Amino acid sequence: MWKEAVVISRLEKNDAYIESSVCFLTGAINQNYSGTYNCTTAYHSGTGIYTADGKANYDINNDGEGMQPAWEITGSPVY
């Protein structure tokens, strides 16, 4: 069982922070350990170059290690 599983996504425009969203996945993962999980991400309308990156944090219940360091999610490329 997972004690906590969180994904944070960041939306950027021209490499500047615009908005972020947080997705708490603990309940979904504990109900169905395998599979794909979807999170709603930040959205912004307008012209320009948008990119995104994020991080994931997790803590597996009773493993004695506590919350693990953030797993950085590589940012999207700029086109």
PDB file of N, CA and C in Angstrom:
ATOM      1  N   MET A   1       0.842  -1.188   0.000  1.00  0.00           N
ATOM      2  CA  MET A   1       0.000   0.000   0.000  1.00  0.00           C
ATOM      3  C   MET A   1       0.886   1.250   0.000  1.00  0.00           C
ATOM      4  N   TRP A   2       0.382   2.250  -0.674  1.00  0.00           N
ATOM      5  CA  TRP A   2       1.079   3.524  -0.740  1.00  0.00           C
ATOM      6  C   TRP A   2       0.537   4.449   0.339  1.00  0.00           C
ATOM      7  N   LYS A   3       1.430   5.142   1.024  1.00  0.00           N
ATOM      8  CA  LYS A   3       1.017   6.133   2.005  1.00  0.00           C
ATOM      9  C   LYS A   3       0.701   7.446   1.305  1.00  0.00           C
ATOM     10  N   GLU A   4       1.501   7.771   0.276  1.00  0.00           N
ATOM     11  CA  GLU A   4       1.265   8.999  -0.480  1.00  0.00           C
ATOM     12  C   GLU A   4       1.909   8.895  -1.853  1.00  0.00           C
ATOM     13  N   ALA A   5       1.196   9.373  -2.862  1.00  0.00           N
ATOM     14  CA  ALA A   5       1.710   9.450  -4.230  1.00  0.00           C
ATOM     15  C   ALA A   5       1.156  10.731  -4.850  1.00  0.00           C
ATOM     16  N   VAL A   6       2.054  11.638  -5.210  1.00  0.00           N
ATOM     17  CA  VAL A   6       1.660  12.959  -5.699  1.00  0.00           C
ATOM     18  C   VAL A   6       2.451  13.297  -6.953  1.00  0.00           C
ATOM     19  N   VAL A   7       1.758  13.832  -7.961  1.00  0.00           N
ATOM     20  CA  VAL A   7       2.413  14.319  -9.171  1.00  0.00           C
ATOM     21  C   VAL A   7       2.090  15.804  -9.304  1.00  0.00           C
ATOM     22  N   ILE A   8       3.119  16.607  -9.529  1.00  0.00           N
ATOM     23  CA  ILE A   8       2.952  18.049  -9.712  1.00  0.00           C
ATOM     24  C   ILE A   8       3.418  18.398 -11.117  1.00  0.00           C
ATOM     25  N   SER A   9       2.546  19.043 -11.883  1.00  0.00           N
ATOM     26  CA  SER A   9       2.940  19.474 -13.230  1.00  0.00           C
ATOM     27  C   SER A   9       3.015  20.997 -13.267  1.00  0.00           C
ATOM     28  N   ARG A  10       3.963  21.490 -14.051  1.00  0.00           N
ATOM     29  CA  ARG A  10       4.164  22.938 -14.188  1.00  0.00           C
ATOM     30  C   ARG A  10       4.016  23.325 -15.651  1.00  0.00           C
ATOM     31  N   LEU A  11       3.253  24.365 -15.906  1.00  0.00           N
ATOM     32  CA  LEU A  11       3.106  24.919 -17.241  1.00  0.00           C
ATOM     33  C   LEU A  11       3.955  26.178 -17.319  1.00  0.00           C
ATOM     34  N   GLU A  12       4.742  26.281 -18.383  1.00  0.00           N
ATOM     35  CA  GLU A  12       5.619  27.441 -18.567  1.00  0.00           C
ATOM     36  C   GLU A  12       5.413  28.033 -19.954  1.00  0.00           C
ATOM     37  N   LYS A  13       5.604  29.331 -20.056  1.00  0.00           N
ATOM     38  CA  LYS A  13       5.576  30.025 -21.348  1.00  0.00           C
ATOM     39  C   LYS A  13       6.890  30.774 -21.474  1.00  0.00           C
ATOM     40  N   ASN A  14       7.607  30.504 -22.553  1.00  0.00           N
ATOM     41  CA  ASN A  14       8.928  31.113 -22.761  1.00  0.00           C
ATOM     42  C   ASN A  14       9.827  30.906 -21.547  1.00  0.00           C
ATOM     43  N   ASP A  15       9.759  29.710 -20.967  1.00  0.00           N
ATOM     44  CA  ASP A  15      10.579  29.292 -19.826  1.00  0.00           C
ATOM     45  C   ASP A  15      10.248  30.034 -18.531  1.00  0.00           C
ATOM     46  N   ALA A  16       9.080  30.657 -18.454  1.00  0.00           N
ATOM     47  CA  ALA A  16       8.643  31.336 -17.235  1.00  0.00           C
ATOM     48  C   ALA A  16       7.405  30.625 -16.691  1.00  0.00           C
ATOM     49  N   TYR A  17       7.354  30.436 -15.393  1.00  0.00           N
ATOM     50  CA  TYR A  17       6.245  29.741 -14.735  1.00  0.00           C
ATOM     51  C   TYR A  17       4.918  30.450 -15.004  1.00  0.00           C
ATOM     52  N   ILE A  18       3.894  29.673 -15.380  1.00  0.00           N
ATOM     53  CA  ILE A  18       2.545  30.199 -15.582  1.00  0.00           C
ATOM     54  C   ILE A  18       1.593  29.645 -14.521  1.00  0.00           C
ATOM     55  N   GLU A  19       1.540  28.324 -14.409  1.00  0.00           N
ATOM     56  CA  GLU A  19       0.574  27.688 -13.527  1.00  0.00           C
ATOM     57  C   GLU A  19       1.013  26.257 -13.231  1.00  0.00           C
ATOM     58  N   SER A  20       0.517  25.713 -12.127  1.00  0.00           N
ATOM     59  CA  SER A  20       0.815  24.316 -11.819  1.00  0.00           C
ATOM     60  C   SER A  20      -0.457  23.610 -11.371  1.00  0.00           C
ATOM     61  N   SER A  21      -0.397  22.297 -11.367  1.00  0.00           N
ATOM     62  CA  SER A  21      -1.508  21.502 -10.853  1.00  0.00           C
ATOM     63  C   SER A  21      -0.936  20.335 -10.061  1.00  0.00           C
ATOM     64  N   VAL A  22      -1.696  19.883  -9.089  1.00  0.00           N
ATOM     65  CA  VAL A  22      -1.279  18.787  -8.218  1.00  0.00           C
ATOM     66  C   VAL A  22      -2.286  17.653  -8.363  1.00  0.00           C
ATOM     67  N   CYS A  23      -1.775  16.449  -8.517  1.00  0.00           N
ATOM     68  CA  CYS A  23      -2.625  15.270  -8.670  1.00  0.00           C
ATOM     69  C   CYS A  23      -2.272  14.280  -7.556  1.00  0.00           C
ATOM     70  N   PHE A  24      -3.229  14.007  -6.701  1.00  0.00           N
ATOM     71  CA  PHE A  24      -3.040  13.052  -5.613  1.00  0.00           C
ATOM     72  C   PHE A  24      -3.510  11.680  -6.087  1.00  0.00           C
ATOM     73  N   LEU A  25      -2.593  10.748  -6.224  1.00  0.00           N
ATOM     74  CA  LEU A  25      -2.893   9.438  -6.807  1.00  0.00           C
ATOM     75  C   LEU A  25      -2.974   8.304  -5.792  1.00  0.00           C
ATOM     76  N   THR A  26      -2.792   8.593  -4.526  1.00  0.00           N
ATOM     77  CA  THR A  26      -2.710   7.544  -3.516  1.00  0.00           C
ATOM     78  C   THR A  26      -3.917   6.611  -3.552  1.00  0.00           C
ATOM     79  N   GLY A  27      -5.110   7.163  -3.518  1.00  0.00           N
ATOM     80  CA  GLY A  27      -6.319   6.340  -3.501  1.00  0.00           C
ATOM     81  C   GLY A  27      -6.457   5.479  -4.743  1.00  0.00           C
ATOM     82  N   ALA A  28      -6.213   6.065  -5.908  1.00  0.00           N
ATOM     83  CA  ALA A  28      -6.336   5.323  -7.166  1.00  0.00           C
ATOM     84  C   ALA A  28      -5.326   4.186  -7.238  1.00  0.00           C
ATOM     85  N   ILE A  29      -4.094   4.452  -6.835  1.00  0.00           N
ATOM     86  CA  ILE A  29      -3.059   3.415  -6.877  1.00  0.00           C
ATOM     87  C   ILE A  29      -3.382   2.295  -5.890  1.00  0.00           C
ATOM     88  N   ASN A  30      -3.834   2.639  -4.699  1.00  0.00           N
ATOM     89  CA  ASN A  30      -4.148   1.617  -3.700  1.00  0.00           C
ATOM     90  C   ASN A  30      -5.351   0.763  -4.100  1.00  0.00           C
ATOM     91  N   GLN A  31      -6.252   1.293  -4.908  1.00  0.00           N
ATOM     92  CA  GLN A  31      -7.406   0.520  -5.370  1.00  0.00           C
ATOM     93  C   GLN A  31      -7.060  -0.387  -6.542  1.00  0.00           C
ATOM     94  N   ASN A  32      -6.115   0.039  -7.383  1.00  0.00           N
ATOM     95  CA  ASN A  32      -5.761  -0.710  -8.594  1.00  0.00           C
ATOM     96  C   ASN A  32      -4.276  -0.496  -8.842  1.00  0.00           C
ATOM     97  N   TYR A  33      -3.448  -1.362  -8.267  1.00  0.00           N
ATOM     98  CA  TYR A  33      -1.997  -1.139  -8.231  1.00  0.00           C
ATOM     99  C   TYR A  33      -1.353  -1.001  -9.605  1.00  0.00           C
ATOM    100  N   SER A  34      -1.823  -1.717 -10.611  1.00  0.00           N
ATOM    101  CA  SER A  34      -1.205  -1.611 -11.931  1.00  0.00           C
ATOM    102  C   SER A  34      -2.107  -0.814 -12.860  1.00  0.00           C
ATOM    103  N   GLY A  35      -1.523  -0.304 -13.918  1.00  0.00           N
ATOM    104  CA  GLY A  35      -2.328   0.407 -14.903  1.00  0.00           C
ATOM    105  C   GLY A  35      -1.816   1.808 -15.159  1.00  0.00           C
ATOM    106  N   THR A  36      -2.635   2.566 -15.853  1.00  0.00           N
ATOM    107  CA  THR A  36      -2.310   3.935 -16.223  1.00  0.00           C
ATOM    108  C   THR A  36      -3.186   4.885 -15.419  1.00  0.00           C
ATOM    109  N   TYR A  37      -2.612   5.981 -14.976  1.00  0.00           N
ATOM    110  CA  TYR A  37      -3.345   6.969 -14.200  1.00  0.00           C
ATOM    111  C   TYR A  37      -3.252   8.312 -14.911  1.00  0.00           C
ATOM    112  N   ASN A  38      -4.368   8.991 -15.021  1.00  0.00           N
ATOM    113  CA  ASN A  38      -4.412  10.281 -15.700  1.00  0.00           C
ATOM    114  C   ASN A  38      -4.652  11.397 -14.703  1.00  0.00           C
ATOM    115  N   CYS A  39      -4.003  12.519 -14.945  1.00  0.00           N
ATOM    116  CA  CYS A  39      -4.173  13.702 -14.115  1.00  0.00           C
ATOM    117  C   CYS A  39      -4.520  14.885 -15.012  1.00  0.00           C
ATOM    118  N   THR A  40      -5.379  15.752 -14.516  1.00  0.00           N
ATOM    119  CA  THR A  40      -5.666  16.983 -15.232  1.00  0.00           C
ATOM    120  C   THR A  40      -4.509  17.939 -14.989  1.00  0.00           C
ATOM    121  N   THR A  41      -3.999  18.510 -16.046  1.00  0.00           N
ATOM    122  CA  THR A  41      -2.866  19.424 -15.918  1.00  0.00           C
ATOM    123  C   THR A  41      -3.316  20.863 -16.091  1.00  0.00           C
ATOM    124  N   ALA A  42      -2.435  21.766 -15.763  1.00  0.00           N
ATOM    125  CA  ALA A  42      -2.715  23.187 -15.927  1.00  0.00           C
ATOM    126  C   ALA A  42      -2.947  23.496 -17.402  1.00  0.00           C
ATOM    127  N   TYR A  43      -3.803  24.474 -17.660  1.00  0.00           N
ATOM    128  CA  TYR A  43      -4.133  24.850 -19.031  1.00  0.00           C
ATOM    129  C   TYR A  43      -4.131  26.368 -19.131  1.00  0.00           C
ATOM    130  N   HIS A  44      -3.642  26.873 -20.236  1.00  0.00           N
ATOM    131  CA  HIS A  44      -3.643  28.313 -20.467  1.00  0.00           C
ATOM    132  C   HIS A  44      -3.836  28.552 -21.955  1.00  0.00           C
ATOM    133  N   SER A  45      -4.783  29.383 -22.295  1.00  0.00           N
ATOM    134  CA  SER A  45      -5.000  29.679 -23.711  1.00  0.00           C
ATOM    135  C   SER A  45      -4.205  30.926 -24.087  1.00  0.00           C
ATOM    136  N   GLY A  46      -3.803  30.976 -25.302  1.00  0.00           N
ATOM    137  CA  GLY A  46      -3.053  32.121 -25.781  1.00  0.00           C
ATOM    138  C   GLY A  46      -1.954  31.675 -26.720  1.00  0.00           C
ATOM    139  N   THR A  47      -1.374  32.626 -27.381  1.00  0.00           N
ATOM    140  CA  THR A  47      -0.306  32.310 -28.317  1.00  0.00           C
ATOM    141  C   THR A  47       1.024  32.290 -27.595  1.00  0.00           C
ATOM    142  N   GLY A  48       2.002  31.702 -28.212  1.00  0.00           N
ATOM    143  CA  GLY A  48       3.331  31.638 -27.635  1.00  0.00           C
ATOM    144  C   GLY A  48       3.808  30.209 -27.552  1.00  0.00           C
ATOM    145  N   ILE A  49       4.972  30.043 -26.991  1.00  0.00           N
ATOM    146  CA  ILE A  49       5.582  28.728 -26.853  1.00  0.00           C
ATOM    147  C   ILE A  49       5.384  28.258 -25.418  1.00  0.00           C
ATOM    148  N   TYR A  50       4.669  27.154 -25.259  1.00  0.00           N
ATOM    149  CA  TYR A  50       4.394  26.587 -23.949  1.00  0.00           C
ATOM    150  C   TYR A  50       5.156  25.284 -23.784  1.00  0.00           C
ATOM    151  N   THR A  51       5.670  25.064 -22.591  1.00  0.00           N
ATOM    152  CA  THR A  51       6.334  23.817 -22.249  1.00  0.00           C
ATOM    153  C   THR A  51       5.821  23.369 -20.878  1.00  0.00           C
ATOM    154  N   ALA A  52       6.157  22.154 -20.507  1.00  0.00           N
ATOM    155  CA  ALA A  52       5.726  21.638 -19.212  1.00  0.00           C
ATOM    156  C   ALA A  52       6.808  20.742 -18.631  1.00  0.00           C
ATOM    157  N   ASP A  53       6.866  20.704 -17.321  1.00  0.00           N
ATOM    158  CA  ASP A  53       7.700  19.748 -16.611  1.00  0.00           C
ATOM    159  C   ASP A  53       6.981  19.410 -15.312  1.00  0.00           C
ATOM    160  N   GLY A  54       7.602  18.650 -14.474  1.00  0.00           N
ATOM    161  CA  GLY A  54       6.944  18.296 -13.233  1.00  0.00           C
ATOM    162  C   GLY A  54       7.812  17.441 -12.344  1.00  0.00           C
ATOM    163  N   LYS A  55       7.188  16.933 -11.292  1.00  0.00           N
ATOM    164  CA  LYS A  55       7.890  16.034 -10.385  1.00  0.00           C
ATOM    165  C   LYS A  55       6.881  15.124  -9.707  1.00  0.00           C
ATOM    166  N   ALA A  56       7.368  14.003  -9.243  1.00  0.00           N
ATOM    167  CA  ALA A  56       6.541  13.033  -8.532  1.00  0.00           C
ATOM    168  C   ALA A  56       7.187  12.733  -7.186  1.00  0.00           C
ATOM    169  N   ASN A  57       6.369  12.639  -6.168  1.00  0.00           N
ATOM    170  CA  ASN A  57       6.821  12.259  -4.836  1.00  0.00           C
ATOM    171  C   ASN A  57       6.004  11.056  -4.384  1.00  0.00           C
ATOM    172  N   TYR A  58       6.642  10.164  -3.644  1.00  0.00           N
ATOM    173  CA  TYR A  58       5.899   9.002  -3.157  1.00  0.00           C
ATOM    174  C   TYR A  58       6.473   8.506  -1.839  1.00  0.00           C
ATOM    175  N   ASP A  59       5.613   7.824  -1.104  1.00  0.00           N
ATOM    176  CA  ASP A  59       5.980   7.198   0.162  1.00  0.00           C
ATOM    177  C   ASP A  59       5.222   5.876   0.231  1.00  0.00           C
ATOM    178  N   ILE A  60       5.945   4.777   0.266  1.00  0.00           N
ATOM    179  CA  ILE A  60       5.328   3.457   0.377  1.00  0.00           C
ATOM    180  C   ILE A  60       5.129   3.160   1.860  1.00  0.00           C
ATOM    181  N   ASN A  61       3.915   2.803   2.222  1.00  0.00           N
ATOM    182  CA  ASN A  61       3.542   2.584   3.609  1.00  0.00           C
ATOM    183  C   ASN A  61       4.390   1.490   4.260  1.00  0.00           C
ATOM    184  N   ASN A  62       4.898   1.775   5.445  1.00  0.00           N
ATOM    185  CA  ASN A  62       5.625   0.817   6.285  1.00  0.00           C
ATOM    186  C   ASN A  62       6.914   0.273   5.676  1.00  0.00           C
ATOM    187  N   ASP A  63       7.537   1.005   4.761  1.00  0.00           N
ATOM    188  CA  ASP A  63       8.824   0.529   4.232  1.00  0.00           C
ATOM    189  C   ASP A  63      10.001   1.109   5.019  1.00  0.00           C
ATOM    190  N   GLY A  64       9.706   1.995   5.988  1.00  0.00           N
ATOM    191  CA  GLY A  64      10.739   2.564   6.833  1.00  0.00           C
ATOM    192  C   GLY A  64      11.570   3.652   6.183  1.00  0.00           C
ATOM    193  N   GLU A  65      11.252   4.046   4.968  1.00  0.00           N
ATOM    194  CA  GLU A  65      12.067   5.038   4.264  1.00  0.00           C
ATOM    195  C   GLU A  65      11.431   6.413   4.173  1.00  0.00           C
ATOM    196  N   GLY A  66      10.156   6.544   4.464  1.00  0.00           N
ATOM    197  CA  GLY A  66       9.496   7.842   4.406  1.00  0.00           C
ATOM    198  C   GLY A  66       9.357   8.366   2.983  1.00  0.00           C
ATOM    199  N   MET A  67       9.038   9.663   2.891  1.00  0.00           N
ATOM    200  CA  MET A  67       8.850  10.299   1.588  1.00  0.00           C
ATOM    201  C   MET A  67      10.169  10.312   0.831  1.00  0.00           C
ATOM    202  N   GLN A  68      10.130   9.849  -0.398  1.00  0.00           N
ATOM    203  CA  GLN A  68      11.325   9.781  -1.238  1.00  0.00           C
ATOM    204  C   GLN A  68      11.605  11.133  -1.890  1.00  0.00           C
ATOM    205  N   PRO A  69      12.869  11.411  -2.225  1.00  0.00           N
ATOM    206  CA  PRO A  69      13.189  12.656  -2.926  1.00  0.00           C
ATOM    207  C   PRO A  69      12.389  12.742  -4.222  1.00  0.00           C
ATOM    208  N   ALA A  70      12.084  13.957  -4.619  1.00  0.00           N
ATOM    209  CA  ALA A  70      11.272  14.167  -5.821  1.00  0.00           C
ATOM    210  C   ALA A  70      11.929  13.527  -7.037  1.00  0.00           C
ATOM    211  N   TRP A  71      11.103  12.862  -7.822  1.00  0.00           N
ATOM    212  CA  TRP A  71      11.526  12.307  -9.105  1.00  0.00           C
ATOM    213  C   TRP A  71      11.168  13.355 -10.140  1.00  0.00           C
ATOM    214  N   GLU A  72      12.163  14.002 -10.710  1.00  0.00           N
ATOM    215  CA  GLU A  72      11.939  15.078 -11.674  1.00  0.00           C
ATOM    216  C   GLU A  72      11.489  14.503 -13.011  1.00  0.00           C
ATOM    217  N   ILE A  73      10.409  15.044 -13.553  1.00  0.00           N
ATOM    218  CA  ILE A  73       9.878  14.636 -14.851  1.00  0.00           C
ATOM    219  C   ILE A  73      10.433  15.603 -15.889  1.00  0.00           C
ATOM    220  N   THR A  74      11.144  15.074 -16.853  1.00  0.00           N
ATOM    221  CA  THR A  74      11.800  15.894 -17.868  1.00  0.00           C
ATOM    222  C   THR A  74      10.794  16.778 -18.579  1.00  0.00           C
ATOM    223  N   GLY A  75      11.181  18.014 -18.791  1.00  0.00           N
ATOM    224  CA  GLY A  75      10.311  18.969 -19.459  1.00  0.00           C
ATOM    225  C   GLY A  75      10.092  18.648 -20.923  1.00  0.00           C
ATOM    226  N   SER A  76       8.995  19.157 -21.441  1.00  0.00           N
ATOM    227  CA  SER A  76       8.685  18.954 -22.855  1.00  0.00           C
ATOM    228  C   SER A  76       9.616  19.815 -23.705  1.00  0.00           C
ATOM    229  N   PRO A  77       9.903  19.375 -24.912  1.00  0.00           N
ATOM    230  CA  PRO A  77      10.797  20.151 -25.781  1.00  0.00           C
ATOM    231  C   PRO A  77      10.106  21.399 -26.327  1.00  0.00           C
ATOM    232  N   VAL A  78      10.898  22.377 -26.675  1.00  0.00           N
ATOM    233  CA  VAL A  78      10.393  23.606 -27.291  1.00  0.00           C
ATOM    234  C   VAL A  78      10.478  23.444 -28.793  1.00  0.00           C
ATOM    235  N   TYR A  79       9.378  23.705 -29.483  1.00  0.00           N
ATOM    236  CA  TYR A  79       9.355  23.609 -30.944  1.00  0.00           C
ATOM    237  C   TYR A  79       9.224  24.977 -31.554  1.00  0.00           C
TER     238      TYR A  79
END
